[in-house]
């Protein structure tokens, strides 16, 4: 199940069950590979941090120069 779809389902469940209680949903700013499920290391895209991480692990980036 894609992250965005499961995120939306969770938001609907929280909204429906909150009643009159004010709610605030806070999400992490960086989402990366899965730890266990559906399989270890699973990702559905290579954008942002995931792309950099995969390219480093595959040896495509030998070094990262942040301050240039």
N, C-alpha and C. Protein backbone atom coordinates (compact mmCIF):
# COMPACT_ATOMS: atom_id res chain seq x y z
N UNK A 1 0.85 -1.17 0.00
CA UNK A 1 0.00 0.00 0.00
C UNK A 1 0.90 1.24 0.00
N UNK A 2 0.75 2.11 -0.96
CA UNK A 2 1.59 3.31 -1.01
C UNK A 2 1.44 4.16 0.25
N UNK A 3 2.52 4.82 0.60
CA UNK A 3 2.56 5.64 1.81
C UNK A 3 1.47 6.71 1.81
N UNK A 4 1.29 7.40 0.69
CA UNK A 4 0.31 8.50 0.66
C UNK A 4 -1.11 8.00 0.87
N UNK A 5 -1.43 6.82 0.33
CA UNK A 5 -2.77 6.27 0.50
C UNK A 5 -3.00 5.86 1.95
N UNK A 6 -2.04 5.15 2.55
CA UNK A 6 -2.20 4.72 3.95
C UNK A 6 -2.23 5.93 4.88
N UNK A 7 -1.48 6.98 4.55
CA UNK A 7 -1.48 8.21 5.34
C UNK A 7 -2.88 8.84 5.31
N UNK A 8 -3.47 8.88 4.14
CA UNK A 8 -4.81 9.47 4.00
C UNK A 8 -5.85 8.64 4.77
N UNK A 9 -5.76 7.32 4.70
CA UNK A 9 -6.70 6.47 5.44
C UNK A 9 -6.58 6.72 6.95
N UNK A 10 -5.34 6.85 7.43
CA UNK A 10 -5.13 7.11 8.86
C UNK A 10 -5.72 8.46 9.26
N UNK A 11 -5.56 9.47 8.41
CA UNK A 11 -6.13 10.79 8.70
C UNK A 11 -7.65 10.72 8.80
N UNK A 12 -8.28 9.97 7.91
CA UNK A 12 -9.74 9.83 7.94
C UNK A 12 -10.18 9.14 9.23
N UNK A 13 -9.48 8.06 9.62
CA UNK A 13 -9.83 7.35 10.85
C UNK A 13 -9.70 8.24 12.08
N UNK A 14 -8.64 9.02 12.14
CA UNK A 14 -8.43 9.92 13.28
C UNK A 14 -9.52 10.99 13.31
N UNK A 15 -9.82 11.55 12.15
CA UNK A 15 -10.85 12.60 12.09
C UNK A 15 -12.22 12.06 12.49
N UNK A 16 -12.57 10.89 12.01
CA UNK A 16 -13.89 10.31 12.32
C UNK A 16 -14.03 9.92 13.79
N UNK A 17 -12.94 9.50 14.42
CA UNK A 17 -13.04 9.03 15.80
C UNK A 17 -12.74 10.12 16.83
N UNK A 18 -12.39 11.32 16.39
CA UNK A 18 -12.00 12.37 17.34
C UNK A 18 -13.18 13.03 18.03
N UNK A 19 -14.35 12.97 17.42
CA UNK A 19 -15.52 13.60 18.03
C UNK A 19 -15.32 15.10 18.13
N UNK A 20 -15.52 15.65 19.35
CA UNK A 20 -15.35 17.09 19.58
C UNK A 20 -13.95 17.47 20.05
N UNK A 21 -13.06 16.48 20.10
CA UNK A 21 -11.69 16.75 20.57
C UNK A 21 -10.87 17.35 19.44
N UNK A 22 -10.23 18.50 19.66
CA UNK A 22 -9.38 19.07 18.61
C UNK A 22 -8.19 18.14 18.33
N UNK A 23 -7.83 17.99 17.08
CA UNK A 23 -6.73 17.09 16.72
C UNK A 23 -5.70 17.83 15.87
N UNK A 24 -4.49 17.33 15.91
CA UNK A 24 -3.40 17.85 15.10
C UNK A 24 -2.54 16.67 14.68
N UNK A 25 -2.37 16.46 13.39
CA UNK A 25 -1.56 15.36 12.89
C UNK A 25 -0.20 15.92 12.50
N UNK A 26 0.85 15.37 13.09
CA UNK A 26 2.22 15.80 12.81
C UNK A 26 2.94 14.65 12.13
N UNK A 27 3.53 14.92 10.98
CA UNK A 27 4.23 13.89 10.21
C UNK A 27 5.73 14.17 10.18
N UNK A 28 6.54 13.10 10.05
CA UNK A 28 7.99 13.32 9.93
C UNK A 28 8.31 14.03 8.61
N UNK A 29 9.37 14.80 8.61
CA UNK A 29 9.74 15.54 7.41
C UNK A 29 10.47 14.66 6.40
N UNK A 30 11.09 13.56 6.87
CA UNK A 30 11.81 12.66 5.98
C UNK A 30 11.29 11.25 6.21
N UNK A 31 10.87 10.61 5.15
CA UNK A 31 10.43 9.21 5.21
C UNK A 31 11.38 8.43 4.33
N UNK A 32 11.96 7.38 4.88
CA UNK A 32 12.96 6.63 4.14
C UNK A 32 12.57 5.15 4.10
N UNK A 33 13.48 4.29 3.80
CA UNK A 33 13.21 2.87 3.59
C UNK A 33 12.59 2.21 4.82
N UNK A 34 11.81 1.16 4.58
CA UNK A 34 11.14 0.42 5.64
C UNK A 34 12.14 -0.40 6.45
N UNK A 35 11.87 -0.53 7.74
CA UNK A 35 12.70 -1.34 8.60
C UNK A 35 12.35 -2.82 8.47
N UNK A 36 11.04 -3.15 8.49
CA UNK A 36 10.61 -4.56 8.45
C UNK A 36 9.57 -4.85 7.38
N UNK A 37 8.51 -4.04 7.31
CA UNK A 37 7.37 -4.39 6.46
C UNK A 37 7.21 -3.41 5.31
N UNK A 38 6.80 -3.79 4.13
CA UNK A 38 6.46 -5.16 3.74
C UNK A 38 7.69 -6.06 3.62
N UNK A 39 8.84 -5.49 3.28
CA UNK A 39 10.11 -6.23 3.33
C UNK A 39 11.19 -5.25 3.77
N UNK A 40 12.24 -5.72 4.43
CA UNK A 40 13.29 -4.80 4.87
C UNK A 40 13.90 -4.02 3.69
N UNK A 41 14.04 -2.71 3.88
CA UNK A 41 14.64 -1.87 2.85
C UNK A 41 13.72 -1.42 1.75
N UNK A 42 12.43 -1.74 1.82
CA UNK A 42 11.48 -1.40 0.75
C UNK A 42 11.26 0.10 0.67
N UNK A 43 11.35 0.64 -0.55
CA UNK A 43 10.98 2.03 -0.82
C UNK A 43 10.23 2.07 -2.14
N UNK A 44 9.36 3.06 -2.31
CA UNK A 44 8.57 3.14 -3.54
C UNK A 44 9.02 4.25 -4.47
N UNK A 45 10.11 4.95 -4.12
CA UNK A 45 10.62 5.99 -5.01
C UNK A 45 12.08 6.28 -4.69
N UNK A 46 12.73 7.01 -5.55
CA UNK A 46 14.13 7.37 -5.35
C UNK A 46 14.32 8.88 -5.33
N UNK A 47 13.33 9.60 -4.82
CA UNK A 47 13.43 11.05 -4.74
C UNK A 47 14.02 11.48 -3.41
N UNK A 48 14.58 12.66 -3.36
CA UNK A 48 15.08 13.22 -2.12
C UNK A 48 16.14 12.37 -1.45
N UNK A 49 15.98 12.16 -0.18
CA UNK A 49 16.96 11.43 0.62
C UNK A 49 17.13 9.99 0.13
N UNK A 50 16.03 9.35 -0.28
CA UNK A 50 16.12 7.96 -0.76
C UNK A 50 17.06 7.83 -1.95
N UNK A 51 16.98 8.74 -2.89
CA UNK A 51 17.84 8.69 -4.07
C UNK A 51 19.31 8.84 -3.70
N UNK A 52 19.59 9.77 -2.79
CA UNK A 52 20.97 9.97 -2.36
C UNK A 52 21.48 8.73 -1.62
N UNK A 53 20.65 8.17 -0.76
CA UNK A 53 21.04 7.01 0.02
C UNK A 53 21.30 5.80 -0.88
N UNK A 54 20.44 5.55 -1.84
CA UNK A 54 20.62 4.42 -2.75
C UNK A 54 21.86 4.60 -3.61
N UNK A 55 22.08 5.80 -4.13
CA UNK A 55 23.26 6.02 -4.97
C UNK A 55 24.56 5.86 -4.18
N UNK A 56 24.56 6.25 -2.92
CA UNK A 56 25.75 6.06 -2.08
C UNK A 56 25.98 4.57 -1.80
N UNK A 57 24.90 3.85 -1.52
CA UNK A 57 25.03 2.42 -1.22
C UNK A 57 25.47 1.62 -2.44
N UNK A 58 25.12 2.08 -3.63
CA UNK A 58 25.50 1.38 -4.87
C UNK A 58 26.87 1.81 -5.37
N UNK A 59 27.52 2.73 -4.69
CA UNK A 59 28.85 3.17 -5.08
C UNK A 59 28.87 4.23 -6.16
N UNK A 60 27.73 4.81 -6.47
CA UNK A 60 27.68 5.84 -7.51
C UNK A 60 28.23 7.17 -7.00
N UNK A 61 28.09 7.43 -5.72
CA UNK A 61 28.66 8.64 -5.11
C UNK A 61 29.80 8.20 -4.21
N UNK A 62 31.00 8.57 -4.57
CA UNK A 62 32.15 8.22 -3.75
C UNK A 62 32.32 9.17 -2.57
N UNK A 63 31.84 10.40 -2.72
CA UNK A 63 31.92 11.36 -1.64
C UNK A 63 30.83 12.41 -1.83
N UNK A 64 30.48 13.05 -0.75
CA UNK A 64 29.48 14.11 -0.79
C UNK A 64 30.15 15.39 -0.32
N UNK A 65 30.07 16.42 -1.11
CA UNK A 65 30.66 17.71 -0.74
C UNK A 65 29.52 18.70 -0.47
N UNK A 66 29.29 18.95 0.80
CA UNK A 66 28.18 19.81 1.20
C UNK A 66 28.57 21.28 1.24
N UNK A 67 29.82 21.57 1.61
CA UNK A 67 30.23 22.96 1.77
C UNK A 67 31.22 23.33 0.67
N UNK A 68 30.72 23.85 -0.38
CA UNK A 68 31.60 24.20 -1.49
C UNK A 68 31.36 25.63 -1.89
